[in-house]
Amino acid sequence: MSYLVDFGVAHAQNKSSRIFETLVPDIFSAEFAAMSASQIIQNCWQRYQESYRSNNSINGTIFEYILSAVFIREGLLPFFRQAQVAFVPNVNYDLLMYAQDIGPISISAKTSLRERYKQADLEAVALKYVHRRAQSHLVTLDVKEGHSIAQKLVTGDLMGLDSVVIATEPAMDELIDGLKRFLLIRPKPIEIVSASLVISADKIPKQ
């Protein structure tokens, strides 16, 4: 059995999920009990790097699985993976939570940055255009670029992101502690149009 599938992180067992579950058979095991979230992420990513040759086609998926497993362990449920938000077209958010108080909280997971932070920032802007109180966080394994982009946040050069976090540093634990303060829910489906009176052709008598 696949616990990623059981929790709904993956639709079905695949190459990436098998790799992850081979490296991390049980996220709740005693070996992780004394570790912080950032330490678990570092431990899991190191196992992956030591056991498998870097593969750009699955690196991102493995990182999302690591973050998902940590969120599950930390009780940050429910959350959504590869999520779309109504009225925010053409955007798939890597990981997304929905807080009762503020609405969507997006997590953009990037193993490396380069110019990818710009995409994450634009996706954050798109989300906040519809949901004004939403939060967007960029979480990365790219230490050097991550700190550089975090400085852009300080200087006001980013428009939508609320934080830029190195996943293997204490800031990740601070982010998780902050997320735990929200009541996370599964939002109700949106009714696109609602009205007290509905006028439709099905009321016209048939000839």
C-alpha atoms as a PDB file:
ATOM      1  CA  MET A   1       0.000   0.000   0.000  1.00  0.00           C
ATOM      2  CA  SER A   2       1.043   3.597  -0.627  1.00  0.00           C
ATOM      3  CA  TYR A   3       0.503   6.104   2.160  1.00  0.00           C
ATOM      4  CA  LEU A   4       0.829   8.959  -0.336  1.00  0.00           C
ATOM      5  CA  VAL A   5      -2.103   7.473  -2.226  1.00  0.00           C
ATOM      6  CA  ASP A   6      -3.980   6.771   1.011  1.00  0.00           C
ATOM      7  CA  PHE A   7      -3.682  10.424   2.056  1.00  0.00           C
ATOM      8  CA  GLY A   8      -4.596  11.635  -1.433  1.00  0.00           C
ATOM      9  CA  VAL A   9      -1.198  13.207  -2.172  1.00  0.00           C
ATOM     10  CA  ALA A  10      -0.858  11.046  -5.303  1.00  0.00           C
ATOM     11  CA  HIS A  11      -3.670   9.706  -7.490  1.00  0.00           C
ATOM     12  CA  ALA A  12      -1.930   6.357  -7.882  1.00  0.00           C
ATOM     13  CA  GLN A  13       1.461   4.886  -7.175  1.00  0.00           C
ATOM     14  CA  ASN A  14       4.030   6.108  -9.688  1.00  0.00           C
ATOM     15  CA  LYS A  15       7.799   6.276 -10.097  1.00  0.00           C
ATOM     16  CA  SER A  16       8.158   9.357  -7.901  1.00  0.00           C
ATOM     17  CA  SER A  17       5.921   8.074  -5.110  1.00  0.00           C
ATOM     18  CA  ARG A  18       7.708   4.704  -5.086  1.00  0.00           C
ATOM     19  CA  ILE A  19      11.074   6.457  -4.792  1.00  0.00           C
ATOM     20  CA  PHE A  20       9.845   8.640  -1.954  1.00  0.00           C
ATOM     21  CA  GLU A  21       8.208   5.806  -0.022  1.00  0.00           C
ATOM     22  CA  THR A  22      11.318   3.662  -0.432  1.00  0.00           C
ATOM     23  CA  LEU A  23      13.343   6.444   1.174  1.00  0.00           C
ATOM     24  CA  VAL A  24      10.693   7.418   3.726  1.00  0.00           C
ATOM     25  CA  PRO A  25       8.493   4.394   4.477  1.00  0.00           C
ATOM     26  CA  ASP A  26       6.765   6.100   7.414  1.00  0.00           C
ATOM     27  CA  ILE A  27       6.770   9.852   8.069  1.00  0.00           C
ATOM     28  CA  PHE A  28       5.440   9.130  11.578  1.00  0.00           C
ATOM     29  CA  SER A  29       8.324   6.805  12.511  1.00  0.00           C
ATOM     30  CA  ALA A  30      10.358   7.276  15.681  1.00  0.00           C
ATOM     31  CA  GLU A  31      13.446   8.390  13.746  1.00  0.00           C
ATOM     32  CA  PHE A  32      11.700  11.642  12.893  1.00  0.00           C
ATOM     33  CA  ALA A  33      10.115  12.201  16.307  1.00  0.00           C
ATOM     34  CA  ALA A  34      12.796  14.551  17.648  1.00  0.00           C
ATOM     35  CA  MET A  35      13.321  16.398  14.363  1.00  0.00           C
ATOM     36  CA  SER A  36      11.829  19.737  13.407  1.00  0.00           C
ATOM     37  CA  ALA A  37      10.041  20.079  10.074  1.00  0.00           C
ATOM     38  CA  SER A  38      13.068  21.745   8.468  1.00  0.00           C
ATOM     39  CA  GLN A  39      15.338  18.957   9.713  1.00  0.00           C
ATOM     40  CA  ILE A  40      13.005  16.303   8.283  1.00  0.00           C
ATOM     41  CA  ILE A  41      13.000  18.071   4.909  1.00  0.00           C
ATOM     42  CA  GLN A  42      16.789  18.250   4.914  1.00  0.00           C
ATOM     43  CA  ASN A  43      17.052  14.586   5.939  1.00  0.00           C
ATOM     44  CA  CYS A  44      14.626  13.378   3.265  1.00  0.00           C
ATOM     45  CA  TRP A  45      16.150  15.477   0.486  1.00  0.00           C
ATOM     46  CA  GLN A  46      19.638  14.280   1.416  1.00  0.00           C
ATOM     47  CA  ARG A  47      18.467  10.662   1.242  1.00  0.00           C
ATOM     48  CA  TYR A  48      17.058  11.308  -2.208  1.00  0.00           C
ATOM     49  CA  GLN A  49      20.244  12.986  -3.451  1.00  0.00           C
ATOM     50  CA  GLU A  50      22.437  10.222  -2.077  1.00  0.00           C
ATOM     51  CA  SER A  51      20.327   7.396  -3.492  1.00  0.00           C
ATOM     52  CA  TYR A  52      19.214   8.741  -6.876  1.00  0.00           C
ATOM     53  CA  ARG A  53      20.857  10.785  -9.586  1.00  0.00           C
ATOM     54  CA  SER A  54      19.346  14.252  -9.835  1.00  0.00           C
ATOM     55  CA  ASN A  55      16.525  14.210 -12.365  1.00  0.00           C
ATOM     56  CA  ASN A  56      14.843  17.476 -13.238  1.00  0.00           C
ATOM     57  CA  SER A  57      11.709  15.648 -14.342  1.00  0.00           C
ATOM     58  CA  ILE A  58      11.014  14.305 -10.848  1.00  0.00           C
ATOM     59  CA  ASN A  59      12.992  16.560  -8.479  1.00  0.00           C
ATOM     60  CA  GLY A  60      10.051  18.915  -8.101  1.00  0.00           C
ATOM     61  CA  THR A  61       7.593  16.109  -7.491  1.00  0.00           C
ATOM     62  CA  ILE A  62       9.821  14.538  -4.834  1.00  0.00           C
ATOM     63  CA  PHE A  63      10.100  17.922  -3.111  1.00  0.00           C
ATOM     64  CA  GLU A  64       6.316  18.320  -3.161  1.00  0.00           C
ATOM     65  CA  TYR A  65       5.962  14.828  -1.668  1.00  0.00           C
ATOM     66  CA  ILE A  66       8.419  15.730   1.102  1.00  0.00           C
ATOM     67  CA  LEU A  67       6.518  18.913   1.925  1.00  0.00           C
ATOM     68  CA  SER A  68       3.204  17.051   1.766  1.00  0.00           C
ATOM     69  CA  ALA A  69       4.454  14.367   4.159  1.00  0.00           C
ATOM     70  CA  VAL A  70       5.696  17.040   6.572  1.00  0.00           C
ATOM     71  CA  PHE A  71       2.366  18.897   6.424  1.00  0.00           C
ATOM     72  CA  ILE A  72       0.559  15.628   7.187  1.00  0.00           C
ATOM     73  CA  ARG A  73       2.896  14.932  10.095  1.00  0.00           C
ATOM     74  CA  GLU A  74       2.368  18.449  11.439  1.00  0.00           C
ATOM     75  CA  GLY A  75      -1.421  18.129  11.200  1.00  0.00           C
ATOM     76  CA  LEU A  76      -1.813  20.832   8.551  1.00  0.00           C
ATOM     77  CA  LEU A  77      -4.923  19.292   7.052  1.00  0.00           C
ATOM     78  CA  PRO A  78      -6.731  19.499   4.763  1.00  0.00           C
ATOM     79  CA  PHE A  79      -4.515  20.779   1.987  1.00  0.00           C
ATOM     80  CA  PHE A  80      -4.560  20.435  -1.771  1.00  0.00           C
ATOM     81  CA  ARG A  81      -1.851  19.538  -4.282  1.00  0.00           C
ATOM     82  CA  GLN A  82      -1.746  20.813  -7.862  1.00  0.00           C
ATOM     83  CA  ALA A  83      -4.762  22.929  -7.068  1.00  0.00           C
ATOM     84  CA  GLN A  84      -6.788  25.358  -9.148  1.00  0.00           C
ATOM     85  CA  VAL A  85      -8.712  28.256  -7.593  1.00  0.00           C
ATOM     86  CA  ALA A  86     -11.996  29.545  -9.038  1.00  0.00           C
ATOM     87  CA  PHE A  87     -11.624  32.762 -11.059  1.00  0.00           C
ATOM     88  CA  VAL A  88      -7.822  32.448 -11.086  1.00  0.00           C
ATOM     89  CA  PRO A  89      -7.310  31.078 -14.607  1.00  0.00           C
ATOM     90  CA  ASN A  90      -4.350  29.098 -15.922  1.00  0.00           C
ATOM     91  CA  VAL A  91      -2.618  28.632 -12.564  1.00  0.00           C
ATOM     92  CA  ASN A  92      -1.867  25.329 -10.831  1.00  0.00           C
ATOM     93  CA  TYR A  93      -0.711  25.937  -7.269  1.00  0.00           C
ATOM     94  CA  ASP A  94       1.801  23.341  -6.052  1.00  0.00           C
ATOM     95  CA  LEU A  95       0.255  23.115  -2.588  1.00  0.00           C
ATOM     96  CA  LEU A  96      -2.697  25.061  -1.273  1.00  0.00           C
ATOM     97  CA  MET A  97      -4.568  25.353   2.011  1.00  0.00           C
ATOM     98  CA  TYR A  98      -7.794  27.181   2.725  1.00  0.00           C
ATOM     99  CA  ALA A  99      -8.108  29.055   6.007  1.00  0.00           C
ATOM    100  CA  GLN A 100     -11.517  29.962   7.365  1.00  0.00           C
ATOM    101  CA  ASP A 101     -10.306  33.479   8.258  1.00  0.00           C
ATOM    102  CA  ILE A 102      -8.380  34.551   5.163  1.00  0.00           C
ATOM    103  CA  GLY A 103      -9.122  32.089   2.372  1.00  0.00           C
ATOM    104  CA  PRO A 104      -6.435  30.474   0.198  1.00  0.00           C
ATOM    105  CA  ILE A 105      -2.828  30.019   1.323  1.00  0.00           C
ATOM    106  CA  SER A 106      -0.582  28.947  -1.540  1.00  0.00           C
ATOM    107  CA  ILE A 107       2.783  27.232  -1.237  1.00  0.00           C
ATOM    108  CA  SER A 108       5.003  27.441  -4.302  1.00  0.00           C
ATOM    109  CA  ALA A 109       7.586  24.640  -4.013  1.00  0.00           C
ATOM    110  CA  LYS A 110      10.792  25.149  -6.013  1.00  0.00           C
ATOM    111  CA  THR A 111      13.928  23.008  -5.772  1.00  0.00           C
ATOM    112  CA  SER A 112      15.843  25.746  -7.597  1.00  0.00           C
ATOM    113  CA  LEU A 113      14.912  29.308  -8.391  1.00  0.00           C
ATOM    114  CA  ARG A 114      16.773  31.279 -11.083  1.00  0.00           C
ATOM    115  CA  GLU A 115      13.897  33.238 -12.658  1.00  0.00           C
ATOM    116  CA  ARG A 116      11.180  30.942 -11.305  1.00  0.00           C
ATOM    117  CA  TYR A 117      10.495  33.276  -8.408  1.00  0.00           C
ATOM    118  CA  LYS A 118       8.905  35.676 -10.891  1.00  0.00           C
ATOM    119  CA  GLN A 119       6.307  33.057 -11.818  1.00  0.00           C
ATOM    120  CA  ALA A 120       5.568  32.402  -8.143  1.00  0.00           C
ATOM    121  CA  ASP A 121       5.171  36.133  -7.545  1.00  0.00           C
ATOM    122  CA  LEU A 122       2.789  36.550 -10.499  1.00  0.00           C
ATOM    123  CA  GLU A 123       0.741  33.568  -9.297  1.00  0.00           C
ATOM    124  CA  ALA A 124       0.546  35.211  -5.873  1.00  0.00           C
ATOM    125  CA  VAL A 125      -0.671  38.456  -7.447  1.00  0.00           C
ATOM    126  CA  ALA A 126      -3.338  36.568  -9.404  1.00  0.00           C
ATOM    127  CA  LEU A 127      -4.539  34.851  -6.245  1.00  0.00           C
ATOM    128  CA  LYS A 128      -4.746  38.091  -4.264  1.00  0.00           C
ATOM    129  CA  TYR A 129      -6.577  39.839  -7.087  1.00  0.00           C
ATOM    130  CA  VAL A 130      -9.500  37.497  -6.368  1.00  0.00           C
ATOM    131  CA  HIS A 131      -8.905  36.732  -2.678  1.00  0.00           C
ATOM    132  CA  ARG A 132      -7.599  39.939  -1.105  1.00  0.00           C
ATOM    133  CA  ARG A 133      -6.580  38.367   2.220  1.00  0.00           C
ATOM    134  CA  ALA A 134      -4.886  35.313   0.724  1.00  0.00           C
ATOM    135  CA  GLN A 135      -1.300  34.419   1.546  1.00  0.00           C
ATOM    136  CA  SER A 136       1.385  33.118  -0.803  1.00  0.00           C
ATOM    137  CA  HIS A 137       4.698  31.610   0.281  1.00  0.00           C
ATOM    138  CA  LEU A 138       7.641  30.553  -1.866  1.00  0.00           C
ATOM    139  CA  VAL A 139       9.435  27.546  -0.330  1.00  0.00           C
ATOM    140  CA  THR A 140      12.734  26.514  -1.884  1.00  0.00           C
ATOM    141  CA  LEU A 141      15.796  24.310  -1.457  1.00  0.00           C
ATOM    142  CA  ASP A 142      17.951  26.860  -3.283  1.00  0.00           C
ATOM    143  CA  VAL A 143      19.775  28.482  -0.358  1.00  0.00           C
ATOM    144  CA  LYS A 144      21.843  31.097  -2.218  1.00  0.00           C
ATOM    145  CA  GLU A 145      19.111  32.290  -4.570  1.00  0.00           C
ATOM    146  CA  GLY A 146      16.500  31.956  -1.842  1.00  0.00           C
ATOM    147  CA  HIS A 147      18.236  34.447   0.404  1.00  0.00           C
ATOM    148  CA  SER A 148      18.739  36.781  -2.541  1.00  0.00           C
ATOM    149  CA  ILE A 149      15.035  36.672  -3.463  1.00  0.00           C
ATOM    150  CA  ALA A 150      14.059  37.103   0.198  1.00  0.00           C
ATOM    151  CA  GLN A 151      15.978  40.381   0.134  1.00  0.00           C
ATOM    152  CA  LYS A 152      13.866  41.490  -2.833  1.00  0.00           C
ATOM    153  CA  LEU A 153      10.840  40.965  -0.617  1.00  0.00           C
ATOM    154  CA  VAL A 154      12.368  43.240   2.017  1.00  0.00           C
ATOM    155  CA  THR A 155      13.110  45.964  -0.543  1.00  0.00           C
ATOM    156  CA  GLY A 156       9.616  45.812  -2.002  1.00  0.00           C
ATOM    157  CA  ASP A 157      10.615  44.353  -5.373  1.00  0.00           C
ATOM    158  CA  LEU A 158       8.037  41.559  -5.151  1.00  0.00           C
ATOM    159  CA  MET A 159       4.342  42.274  -5.560  1.00  0.00           C
ATOM    160  CA  GLY A 160       2.478  39.228  -4.281  1.00  0.00           C
ATOM    161  CA  LEU A 161       4.605  36.889  -2.164  1.00  0.00           C
ATOM    162  CA  ASP A 162       4.314  37.063   1.617  1.00  0.00           C
ATOM    163  CA  SER A 163       7.518  35.153   2.319  1.00  0.00           C
ATOM    164  CA  VAL A 164      10.459  33.407   0.696  1.00  0.00           C
ATOM    165  CA  VAL A 165      11.520  30.462   2.856  1.00  0.00           C
ATOM    166  CA  ILE A 166      14.472  28.085   2.689  1.00  0.00           C
ATOM    167  CA  ALA A 167      12.893  24.698   3.411  1.00  0.00           C
ATOM    168  CA  THR A 168      15.894  23.388   5.364  1.00  0.00           C
ATOM    169  CA  GLU A 169      16.272  26.413   7.664  1.00  0.00           C
ATOM    170  CA  PRO A 170      14.417  27.448  10.858  1.00  0.00           C
ATOM    171  CA  ALA A 171      12.276  29.879   8.858  1.00  0.00           C
ATOM    172  CA  MET A 172      10.424  26.800   7.587  1.00  0.00           C
ATOM    173  CA  ASP A 173       9.507  25.864  11.142  1.00  0.00           C
ATOM    174  CA  GLU A 174       8.306  29.416  11.714  1.00  0.00           C
ATOM    175  CA  LEU A 175       6.146  29.225   8.596  1.00  0.00           C
ATOM    176  CA  ILE A 176       4.584  25.973   9.775  1.00  0.00           C
ATOM    177  CA  ASP A 177       3.922  27.419  13.234  1.00  0.00           C
ATOM    178  CA  GLY A 178       2.207  30.356  11.555  1.00  0.00           C
ATOM    179  CA  LEU A 179       0.050  28.088   9.398  1.00  0.00           C
ATOM    180  CA  LYS A 180      -1.020  26.124  12.475  1.00  0.00           C
ATOM    181  CA  ARG A 181      -2.720  29.257  13.812  1.00  0.00           C
ATOM    182  CA  PHE A 182      -5.331  29.074  11.051  1.00  0.00           C
ATOM    183  CA  LEU A 183      -8.403  26.866  11.020  1.00  0.00           C
ATOM    184  CA  LEU A 184      -7.954  24.958   7.782  1.00  0.00           C
ATOM    185  CA  ILE A 185     -11.130  23.847   6.036  1.00  0.00           C
ATOM    186  CA  ARG A 186     -12.324  22.376   2.779  1.00  0.00           C
ATOM    187  CA  PRO A 187     -14.173  25.244   1.079  1.00  0.00           C
ATOM    188  CA  LYS A 188     -17.674  24.723  -0.205  1.00  0.00           C
ATOM    189  CA  PRO A 189     -18.204  24.635  -3.982  1.00  0.00           C
ATOM    190  CA  ILE A 190     -18.869  28.089  -5.387  1.00  0.00           C
ATOM    191  CA  GLU A 191     -22.271  28.756  -6.866  1.00  0.00           C
ATOM    192  CA  ILE A 192     -21.438  30.975  -9.812  1.00  0.00           C
ATOM    193  CA  VAL A 193     -24.859  32.643  -9.907  1.00  0.00           C
ATOM    194  CA  SER A 194     -27.427  32.869  -7.115  1.00  0.00           C
ATOM    195  CA  ALA A 195     -30.782  34.671  -7.133  1.00  0.00           C
ATOM    196  CA  SER A 196     -34.101  34.610  -5.322  1.00  0.00           C
ATOM    197  CA  LEU A 197     -35.926  34.220  -8.654  1.00  0.00           C
ATOM    198  CA  VAL A 198     -34.789  32.135 -11.602  1.00  0.00           C
ATOM    199  CA  ILE A 199     -36.475  32.634 -14.972  1.00  0.00           C
ATOM    200  CA  SER A 200     -35.890  29.774 -17.384  1.00  0.00           C
ATOM    201  CA  ALA A 201     -37.295  28.370 -20.602  1.00  0.00           C
ATOM    202  CA  ASP A 202     -38.385  25.117 -18.981  1.00  0.00           C
ATOM    203  CA  LYS A 203     -41.437  26.940 -17.569  1.00  0.00           C
ATOM    204  CA  ILE A 204     -42.819  27.692 -21.046  1.00  0.00           C
ATOM    205  CA  PRO A 205     -45.693  25.323 -21.902  1.00  0.00           C
ATOM    206  CA  LYS A 206     -44.842  22.908 -24.674  1.00  0.00           C
ATOM    207  CA  GLN A 207     -46.782  23.496 -27.904  1.00  0.00           C
END
